Amino acid sequence: MSHELDVLAVMAHPDDAELLCGGALIKSADAGKRVGVLDLTRGEAGSSGSAELRAREADAAARVMGLEVRRTAGLPDSRLENDHEARRVVVAQLRELRPRVVVTHWKAGRHRDHRIASELVRDACFLAGLKRFDAGGAPYRPVKVVYATAFREDVVVPGFVVDITRQMERKLEALACYASQFKGVIQAGEVYPGGDRPLFDHVRAQMAHYGSRIRVAYGEPFAVDEALEVGDLADLGVATF
């Protein structure tokens, strides 16, 4: 089974990937992996900016992150549904891009699009492998679905954390491309306000918290439904004491 992309983040809106897993995406790209982002909507229902402006911001962020590809699925912002037509759209993209690993939203979220996206993406990943599912393209099923859990208060212990210490500044640089969404704000998406602390300071603090879980400066947390394999007990990291 050949893979066109090693990692594909499929998120509801432009900027979601940068907020939730931008550091990990940059790290994979730095390692020579083929990394992409599929934005399910153009973010046209957002309170700030416009679909056209956000598309330009997303392109700029993609260059910062070193993405192989960035696309928009064109589904309706704030009206995202896990219905047959939406699944056909996402399946068609998965069959064309053929990612080995798909990263998407956690299963809960205060924005309804985030909750719907999580279910839609998981369903589409399964359906993409069915020969008779009519969405064009050859059947293909990603190997792994991963949930980005940054800023979630209901995920106490992450399934795993990616060390993004060397990618932290570029994560913030990618976020800064979205001036229409983030300039002068203290909250965004799943990021609840930290008092009057600027958004980027809050992001840095949260990434530092997750980093501390694996004894590094900065990290991004993720969850999976399956158990993760450990090759050798002697190679386990993260000190207990």
C-alpha atoms as a PDB file:
ATOM      1  CA  MET A   1       0.000   0.000   0.000  1.00  0.00           C
ATOM      2  CA  SER A   2       1.685   3.202  -1.141  1.00  0.00           C
ATOM      3  CA  HIS A   3       1.278   6.492   0.693  1.00  0.00           C
ATOM      4  CA  GLU A   4       1.371   9.888  -0.992  1.00  0.00           C
ATOM      5  CA  LEU A   5       1.458  11.756   2.340  1.00  0.00           C
ATOM      6  CA  ASP A   6       2.958  10.613   5.602  1.00  0.00           C
ATOM      7  CA  VAL A   7       0.762  12.885   7.742  1.00  0.00           C
ATOM      8  CA  LEU A   8      -2.426  14.784   6.932  1.00  0.00           C
ATOM      9  CA  ALA A   9      -4.185  17.060   9.409  1.00  0.00           C
ATOM     10  CA  VAL A  10      -7.893  17.316   8.575  1.00  0.00           C
ATOM     11  CA  MET A  11      -9.380  20.190  10.548  1.00  0.00           C
ATOM     12  CA  ALA A  12     -12.574  22.219  10.506  1.00  0.00           C
ATOM     13  CA  HIS A  13     -11.129  25.683   9.817  1.00  0.00           C
ATOM     14  CA  PRO A  14      -7.981  27.399   8.591  1.00  0.00           C
ATOM     15  CA  ASP A  15      -5.738  27.948  11.675  1.00  0.00           C
ATOM     16  CA  ASP A  16      -7.063  24.888  13.595  1.00  0.00           C
ATOM     17  CA  ALA A  17      -4.106  22.767  12.487  1.00  0.00           C
ATOM     18  CA  GLU A  18      -1.624  25.437  13.526  1.00  0.00           C
ATOM     19  CA  LEU A  19      -3.202  25.818  16.956  1.00  0.00           C
ATOM     20  CA  LEU A  20      -3.681  22.139  17.738  1.00  0.00           C
ATOM     21  CA  CYS A  21      -0.818  20.320  16.057  1.00  0.00           C
ATOM     22  CA  GLY A  22       1.296  22.849  14.164  1.00  0.00           C
ATOM     23  CA  GLY A  23       4.484  22.004  16.016  1.00  0.00           C
ATOM     24  CA  ALA A  24       4.163  18.276  15.325  1.00  0.00           C
ATOM     25  CA  LEU A  25       3.413  18.926  11.646  1.00  0.00           C
ATOM     26  CA  ILE A  26       6.496  21.139  11.363  1.00  0.00           C
ATOM     27  CA  LYS A  27       8.590  18.487  13.100  1.00  0.00           C
ATOM     28  CA  SER A  28       7.503  15.809  10.636  1.00  0.00           C
ATOM     29  CA  ALA A  29       8.191  18.132   7.700  1.00  0.00           C
ATOM     30  CA  ASP A  30      11.627  18.939   9.153  1.00  0.00           C
ATOM     31  CA  ALA A  31      12.344  15.201   9.208  1.00  0.00           C
ATOM     32  CA  GLY A  32      11.638  14.957   5.480  1.00  0.00           C
ATOM     33  CA  LYS A  33       8.124  13.556   5.813  1.00  0.00           C
ATOM     34  CA  ARG A  34       5.387  14.570   3.386  1.00  0.00           C
ATOM     35  CA  VAL A  35       2.903  16.589   5.405  1.00  0.00           C
ATOM     36  CA  GLY A  36      -0.390  18.195   4.413  1.00  0.00           C
ATOM     37  CA  VAL A  37      -3.406  20.013   5.798  1.00  0.00           C
ATOM     38  CA  LEU A  38      -6.994  19.702   4.599  1.00  0.00           C
ATOM     39  CA  ASP A  39      -9.232  22.484   5.915  1.00  0.00           C
ATOM     40  CA  LEU A  40     -12.809  21.238   5.771  1.00  0.00           C
ATOM     41  CA  THR A  41     -14.226  24.772   5.479  1.00  0.00           C
ATOM     42  CA  ARG A  42     -12.913  28.171   4.389  1.00  0.00           C
ATOM     43  CA  GLY A  43     -13.815  29.752   7.722  1.00  0.00           C
ATOM     44  CA  GLU A  44     -16.268  32.033   5.955  1.00  0.00           C
ATOM     45  CA  ALA A  45     -18.610  32.281   8.946  1.00  0.00           C
ATOM     46  CA  GLY A  46     -15.937  33.615  11.283  1.00  0.00           C
ATOM     47  CA  SER A  47     -16.477  36.923  13.052  1.00  0.00           C
ATOM     48  CA  SER A  48     -13.263  38.393  11.640  1.00  0.00           C
ATOM     49  CA  GLY A  49     -11.658  38.481   8.234  1.00  0.00           C
ATOM     50  CA  SER A  50     -13.082  36.848   5.114  1.00  0.00           C
ATOM     51  CA  ALA A  51     -12.727  33.547   3.305  1.00  0.00           C
ATOM     52  CA  GLU A  52     -10.376  35.168   0.792  1.00  0.00           C
ATOM     53  CA  LEU A  53      -8.167  36.725   3.468  1.00  0.00           C
ATOM     54  CA  ARG A  54      -8.053  33.536   5.497  1.00  0.00           C
ATOM     55  CA  ALA A  55      -7.027  31.598   2.383  1.00  0.00           C
ATOM     56  CA  ARG A  56      -4.054  33.931   1.927  1.00  0.00           C
ATOM     57  CA  GLU A  57      -3.183  33.573   5.609  1.00  0.00           C
ATOM     58  CA  ALA A  58      -3.400  29.782   5.351  1.00  0.00           C
ATOM     59  CA  ASP A  59      -1.063  29.789   2.345  1.00  0.00           C
ATOM     60  CA  ALA A  60       1.458  31.881   4.270  1.00  0.00           C
ATOM     61  CA  ALA A  61       1.242  29.550   7.267  1.00  0.00           C
ATOM     62  CA  ALA A  62       1.694  26.519   4.996  1.00  0.00           C
ATOM     63  CA  ARG A  63       4.984  27.958   3.749  1.00  0.00           C
ATOM     64  CA  VAL A  64       6.181  28.509   7.312  1.00  0.00           C
ATOM     65  CA  MET A  65       5.324  24.920   8.222  1.00  0.00           C
ATOM     66  CA  GLY A  66       6.878  23.413   5.116  1.00  0.00           C
ATOM     67  CA  LEU A  67       3.711  21.644   4.002  1.00  0.00           C
ATOM     68  CA  GLU A  68       3.679  19.506   0.887  1.00  0.00           C
ATOM     69  CA  VAL A  69       0.044  20.397   0.233  1.00  0.00           C
ATOM     70  CA  ARG A  70      -2.767  22.465   1.719  1.00  0.00           C
ATOM     71  CA  ARG A  71      -6.330  22.243   0.475  1.00  0.00           C
ATOM     72  CA  THR A  72      -9.841  23.312   1.370  1.00  0.00           C
ATOM     73  CA  ALA A  73     -12.678  20.815   1.078  1.00  0.00           C
ATOM     74  CA  GLY A  74     -15.270  23.586   0.649  1.00  0.00           C
ATOM     75  CA  LEU A  75     -17.770  22.322   3.215  1.00  0.00           C
ATOM     76  CA  PRO A  76     -19.975  24.962   4.919  1.00  0.00           C
ATOM     77  CA  ASP A  77     -18.495  26.751   7.929  1.00  0.00           C
ATOM     78  CA  SER A  78     -20.607  26.544  11.121  1.00  0.00           C
ATOM     79  CA  ARG A  79     -22.934  24.171   9.253  1.00  0.00           C
ATOM     80  CA  LEU A  80     -20.609  21.195   9.036  1.00  0.00           C
ATOM     81  CA  GLU A  81     -22.492  17.895   9.078  1.00  0.00           C
ATOM     82  CA  ASN A  82     -21.432  14.260   9.098  1.00  0.00           C
ATOM     83  CA  ASP A  83     -23.773  13.339   6.271  1.00  0.00           C
ATOM     84  CA  HIS A  84     -23.345  11.292   3.116  1.00  0.00           C
ATOM     85  CA  GLU A  85     -22.344  14.175   0.872  1.00  0.00           C
ATOM     86  CA  ALA A  86     -19.759  15.485   3.324  1.00  0.00           C
ATOM     87  CA  ARG A  87     -18.327  11.993   3.711  1.00  0.00           C
ATOM     88  CA  ARG A  88     -18.060  11.667  -0.079  1.00  0.00           C
ATOM     89  CA  VAL A  89     -16.108  14.938  -0.240  1.00  0.00           C
ATOM     90  CA  VAL A  90     -13.648  13.895   2.462  1.00  0.00           C
ATOM     91  CA  VAL A  91     -13.281  10.345   1.110  1.00  0.00           C
ATOM     92  CA  ALA A  92     -12.385  11.724  -2.327  1.00  0.00           C
ATOM     93  CA  GLN A  93      -9.639  13.839  -0.756  1.00  0.00           C
ATOM     94  CA  LEU A  94      -8.304  10.927   1.302  1.00  0.00           C
ATOM     95  CA  ARG A  95      -8.172   8.665  -1.733  1.00  0.00           C
ATOM     96  CA  GLU A  96      -6.231  11.257  -3.685  1.00  0.00           C
ATOM     97  CA  LEU A  97      -3.822  12.339  -0.938  1.00  0.00           C
ATOM     98  CA  ARG A  98      -3.411   8.832   0.549  1.00  0.00           C
ATOM     99  CA  PRO A  99      -2.100   9.803   3.990  1.00  0.00           C
ATOM    100  CA  ARG A 100      -0.644   7.160   6.268  1.00  0.00           C
ATOM    101  CA  VAL A 101      -1.625   9.065   9.435  1.00  0.00           C
ATOM    102  CA  VAL A 102      -4.604  11.416   9.763  1.00  0.00           C
ATOM    103  CA  VAL A 103      -4.781  13.952  12.595  1.00  0.00           C
ATOM    104  CA  THR A 104      -8.086  15.575  13.481  1.00  0.00           C
ATOM    105  CA  HIS A 105     -10.017  17.218  16.317  1.00  0.00           C
ATOM    106  CA  TRP A 106     -10.755  15.604  19.653  1.00  0.00           C
ATOM    107  CA  LYS A 107     -14.246  14.100  19.960  1.00  0.00           C
ATOM    108  CA  ALA A 108     -15.588  16.964  22.076  1.00  0.00           C
ATOM    109  CA  GLY A 109     -15.296  20.717  21.670  1.00  0.00           C
ATOM    110  CA  ARG A 110     -17.098  23.973  22.274  1.00  0.00           C
ATOM    111  CA  HIS A 111     -17.317  24.721  18.540  1.00  0.00           C
ATOM    112  CA  ARG A 112     -19.837  22.354  16.958  1.00  0.00           C
ATOM    113  CA  ASP A 113     -17.753  22.133  13.783  1.00  0.00           C
ATOM    114  CA  HIS A 114     -14.901  20.661  15.803  1.00  0.00           C
ATOM    115  CA  ARG A 115     -17.102  17.933  17.249  1.00  0.00           C
ATOM    116  CA  ILE A 116     -18.668  17.144  13.880  1.00  0.00           C
ATOM    117  CA  ALA A 117     -15.283  17.188  12.134  1.00  0.00           C
ATOM    118  CA  SER A 118     -13.885  14.557  14.484  1.00  0.00           C
ATOM    119  CA  GLU A 119     -16.691  12.117  13.720  1.00  0.00           C
ATOM    120  CA  LEU A 120     -16.788  12.982  10.016  1.00  0.00           C
ATOM    121  CA  VAL A 121     -13.067  12.426   9.546  1.00  0.00           C
ATOM    122  CA  ARG A 122     -13.026   9.110  11.379  1.00  0.00           C
ATOM    123  CA  ASP A 123     -15.997   7.824   9.373  1.00  0.00           C
ATOM    124  CA  ALA A 124     -14.481   9.006   6.106  1.00  0.00           C
ATOM    125  CA  CYS A 125     -11.186   7.278   6.886  1.00  0.00           C
ATOM    126  CA  PHE A 126     -13.022   3.959   7.199  1.00  0.00           C
ATOM    127  CA  LEU A 127     -15.320   4.469   4.220  1.00  0.00           C
ATOM    128  CA  ALA A 128     -12.414   5.462   1.969  1.00  0.00           C
ATOM    129  CA  GLY A 129     -11.291   1.829   2.026  1.00  0.00           C
ATOM    130  CA  LEU A 130     -14.607   0.414   0.804  1.00  0.00           C
ATOM    131  CA  LYS A 131     -14.473  -0.568  -2.864  1.00  0.00           C
ATOM    132  CA  ARG A 132     -18.125   0.251  -3.498  1.00  0.00           C
ATOM    133  CA  PHE A 133     -18.247   3.595  -1.725  1.00  0.00           C
ATOM    134  CA  ASP A 134     -18.905   5.967  -4.616  1.00  0.00           C
ATOM    135  CA  ALA A 135     -16.605   8.929  -4.152  1.00  0.00           C
ATOM    136  CA  GLY A 136     -14.201   8.502  -7.059  1.00  0.00           C
ATOM    137  CA  GLY A 137     -10.634   7.330  -6.840  1.00  0.00           C
ATOM    138  CA  ALA A 138      -9.188   3.984  -5.833  1.00  0.00           C
ATOM    139  CA  PRO A 139     -10.091   2.608  -2.386  1.00  0.00           C
ATOM    140  CA  TYR A 140      -7.593   3.583   0.281  1.00  0.00           C
ATOM    141  CA  ARG A 141      -7.682   3.582   4.066  1.00  0.00           C
ATOM    142  CA  PRO A 142      -5.246   5.495   6.321  1.00  0.00           C
ATOM    143  CA  VAL A 143      -3.341   3.366   8.827  1.00  0.00           C
ATOM    144  CA  LYS A 144      -3.930   5.580  11.863  1.00  0.00           C
ATOM    145  CA  VAL A 145      -6.358   8.245  13.088  1.00  0.00           C
ATOM    146  CA  VAL A 146      -4.915  10.532  15.764  1.00  0.00           C
ATOM    147  CA  TYR A 147      -6.767  13.138  17.815  1.00  0.00           C
ATOM    148  CA  ALA A 148      -5.096  16.450  18.680  1.00  0.00           C
ATOM    149  CA  THR A 149      -6.056  17.215  22.284  1.00  0.00           C
ATOM    150  CA  ALA A 150      -4.274  20.525  22.948  1.00  0.00           C
ATOM    151  CA  PHE A 151      -6.280  22.880  25.173  1.00  0.00           C
ATOM    152  CA  ARG A 152      -8.852  20.197  26.002  1.00  0.00           C
ATOM    153  CA  GLU A 153      -9.793  20.175  29.691  1.00  0.00           C
ATOM    154  CA  ASP A 154     -11.487  16.765  29.509  1.00  0.00           C
ATOM    155  CA  VAL A 155      -8.341  14.882  28.435  1.00  0.00           C
ATOM    156  CA  VAL A 156      -6.380  14.621  31.672  1.00  0.00           C
ATOM    157  CA  VAL A 157      -3.564  12.333  30.521  1.00  0.00           C
ATOM    158  CA  PRO A 158      -2.601  12.500  26.832  1.00  0.00           C
ATOM    159  CA  GLY A 159      -2.043   9.262  24.963  1.00  0.00           C
ATOM    160  CA  PHE A 160       1.314  10.655  23.899  1.00  0.00           C
ATOM    161  CA  VAL A 161       3.083  14.003  23.622  1.00  0.00           C
ATOM    162  CA  VAL A 162       5.334  15.151  20.771  1.00  0.00           C
ATOM    163  CA  ASP A 163       8.393  17.184  21.743  1.00  0.00           C
ATOM    164  CA  ILE A 164       8.113  20.438  19.757  1.00  0.00           C
ATOM    165  CA  THR A 165      10.792  22.394  21.596  1.00  0.00           C
ATOM    166  CA  ARG A 166      12.737  23.115  18.406  1.00  0.00           C
ATOM    167  CA  GLN A 167       9.539  23.896  16.472  1.00  0.00           C
ATOM    168  CA  MET A 168       7.828  26.149  19.038  1.00  0.00           C
ATOM    169  CA  GLU A 169       8.872  29.475  17.535  1.00  0.00           C
ATOM    170  CA  ARG A 170       7.828  28.402  14.053  1.00  0.00           C
ATOM    171  CA  LYS A 171       4.481  27.215  15.410  1.00  0.00           C
ATOM    172  CA  LEU A 172       3.925  30.742  16.725  1.00  0.00           C
ATOM    173  CA  GLU A 173       5.198  32.191  13.442  1.00  0.00           C
ATOM    174  CA  ALA A 174       2.617  30.115  11.566  1.00  0.00           C
ATOM    175  CA  LEU A 175      -0.112  31.287  13.937  1.00  0.00           C
ATOM    176  CA  ALA A 176       0.991  34.892  13.434  1.00  0.00           C
ATOM    177  CA  CYS A 177       0.139  34.526   9.734  1.00  0.00           C
ATOM    178  CA  TYR A 178      -3.523  34.664  10.812  1.00  0.00           C
ATOM    179  CA  ALA A 179      -3.547  38.317  11.833  1.00  0.00           C
ATOM    180  CA  SER A 180      -7.260  38.556  11.024  1.00  0.00           C
ATOM    181  CA  GLN A 181      -8.023  35.933  13.656  1.00  0.00           C
ATOM    182  CA  PHE A 182      -5.395  36.282  16.360  1.00  0.00           C
ATOM    183  CA  LYS A 183      -4.058  39.835  16.504  1.00  0.00           C
ATOM    184  CA  GLY A 184      -4.911  41.365  19.878  1.00  0.00           C
ATOM    185  CA  VAL A 185      -7.119  38.487  21.075  1.00  0.00           C
ATOM    186  CA  ILE A 186      -6.998  36.457  24.274  1.00  0.00           C
ATOM    187  CA  GLN A 187      -8.951  33.383  23.126  1.00  0.00           C
ATOM    188  CA  ALA A 188      -9.619  31.401  19.950  1.00  0.00           C
ATOM    189  CA  GLY A 189     -11.273  28.110  19.063  1.00  0.00           C
ATOM    190  CA  GLU A 190     -10.661  25.654  21.891  1.00  0.00           C
ATOM    191  CA  VAL A 191      -8.281  28.096  23.603  1.00  0.00           C
ATOM    192  CA  TYR A 192     -10.064  29.562  26.602  1.00  0.00           C
ATOM    193  CA  PRO A 193      -8.833  32.924  27.860  1.00  0.00           C
ATOM    194  CA  GLY A 194      -6.094  32.986  30.478  1.00  0.00           C
ATOM    195  CA  GLY A 195      -7.176  36.199  32.148  1.00  0.00           C
ATOM    196  CA  ASP A 196      -5.961  39.132  30.067  1.00  0.00           C
ATOM    197  CA  ARG A 197      -2.934  37.208  28.817  1.00  0.00           C
ATOM    198  CA  PRO A 198      -2.410  37.571  25.031  1.00  0.00           C
ATOM    199  CA  LEU A 199      -3.321  34.484  23.023  1.00  0.00           C
ATOM    200  CA  PHE A 200       0.219  33.637  21.979  1.00  0.00           C
ATOM    201  CA  ASP A 201       1.439  33.829  25.581  1.00  0.00           C
ATOM    202  CA  HIS A 202      -1.347  31.447  26.529  1.00  0.00           C
ATOM    203  CA  VAL A 203      -0.422  29.063  23.702  1.00  0.00           C
ATOM    204  CA  ARG A 204       3.214  29.110  24.815  1.00  0.00           C
ATOM    205  CA  ALA A 205       2.201  28.419  28.419  1.00  0.00           C
ATOM    206  CA  GLN A 206      -0.006  25.502  27.414  1.00  0.00           C
ATOM    207  CA  MET A 207       2.687  23.986  25.208  1.00  0.00           C
ATOM    208  CA  ALA A 208       5.119  24.346  28.111  1.00  0.00           C
ATOM    209  CA  HIS A 209       2.645  22.470  30.337  1.00  0.00           C
ATOM    210  CA  TYR A 210       2.371  19.590  27.888  1.00  0.00           C
ATOM    211  CA  GLY A 211       6.125  19.621  27.437  1.00  0.00           C
ATOM    212  CA  SER A 212       6.554  19.210  31.177  1.00  0.00           C
ATOM    213  CA  ARG A 213       4.573  15.971  30.944  1.00  0.00           C
ATOM    214  CA  ILE A 214       7.479  14.458  28.983  1.00  0.00           C
ATOM    215  CA  ARG A 215      10.219  16.510  30.712  1.00  0.00           C
ATOM    216  CA  VAL A 216      10.961  18.859  27.799  1.00  0.00           C
ATOM    217  CA  ALA A 217      10.390  22.575  27.209  1.00  0.00           C
ATOM    218  CA  TYR A 218       7.395  22.372  24.840  1.00  0.00           C
ATOM    219  CA  GLY A 219       5.077  19.614  23.653  1.00  0.00           C
ATOM    220  CA  GLU A 220       1.801  18.927  21.861  1.00  0.00           C
ATOM    221  CA  PRO A 221      -0.604  16.262  23.195  1.00  0.00           C
ATOM    222  CA  PHE A 222      -2.477  13.628  21.221  1.00  0.00           C
ATOM    223  CA  ALA A 223      -4.799  10.688  21.828  1.00  0.00           C
ATOM    224  CA  VAL A 224      -5.569   7.463  19.982  1.00  0.00           C
ATOM    225  CA  ASP A 225      -8.233   4.822  20.446  1.00  0.00           C
ATOM    226  CA  GLU A 226      -5.801   1.920  20.278  1.00  0.00           C
ATOM    227  CA  ALA A 227      -2.963   0.875  22.560  1.00  0.00           C
ATOM    228  CA  LEU A 228       0.439   2.086  21.409  1.00  0.00           C
ATOM    229  CA  GLU A 229       3.203  -0.440  20.838  1.00  0.00           C
ATOM    230  CA  VAL A 230       6.457  -0.216  22.819  1.00  0.00           C
ATOM    231  CA  GLY A 231       9.368  -2.024  21.243  1.00  0.00           C
ATOM    232  CA  ASP A 232      11.437  -2.604  24.363  1.00  0.00           C
ATOM    233  CA  LEU A 233      10.834  -1.830  28.042  1.00  0.00           C
ATOM    234  CA  ALA A 234      14.476  -0.841  28.379  1.00  0.00           C
ATOM    235  CA  ASP A 235      13.940   2.049  25.943  1.00  0.00           C
ATOM    236  CA  LEU A 236      11.062   3.721  27.811  1.00  0.00           C
ATOM    237  CA  GLY A 237      11.468   7.450  28.355  1.00  0.00           C
ATOM    238  CA  VAL A 238       9.977  10.123  30.681  1.00  0.00           C
ATOM    239  CA  ALA A 239      11.352   9.784  34.196  1.00  0.00           C
ATOM    240  CA  THR A 240       8.998   8.649  36.947  1.00  0.00           C
ATOM    241  CA  PHE A 241      10.816  10.590  39.671  1.00  0.00           C
END
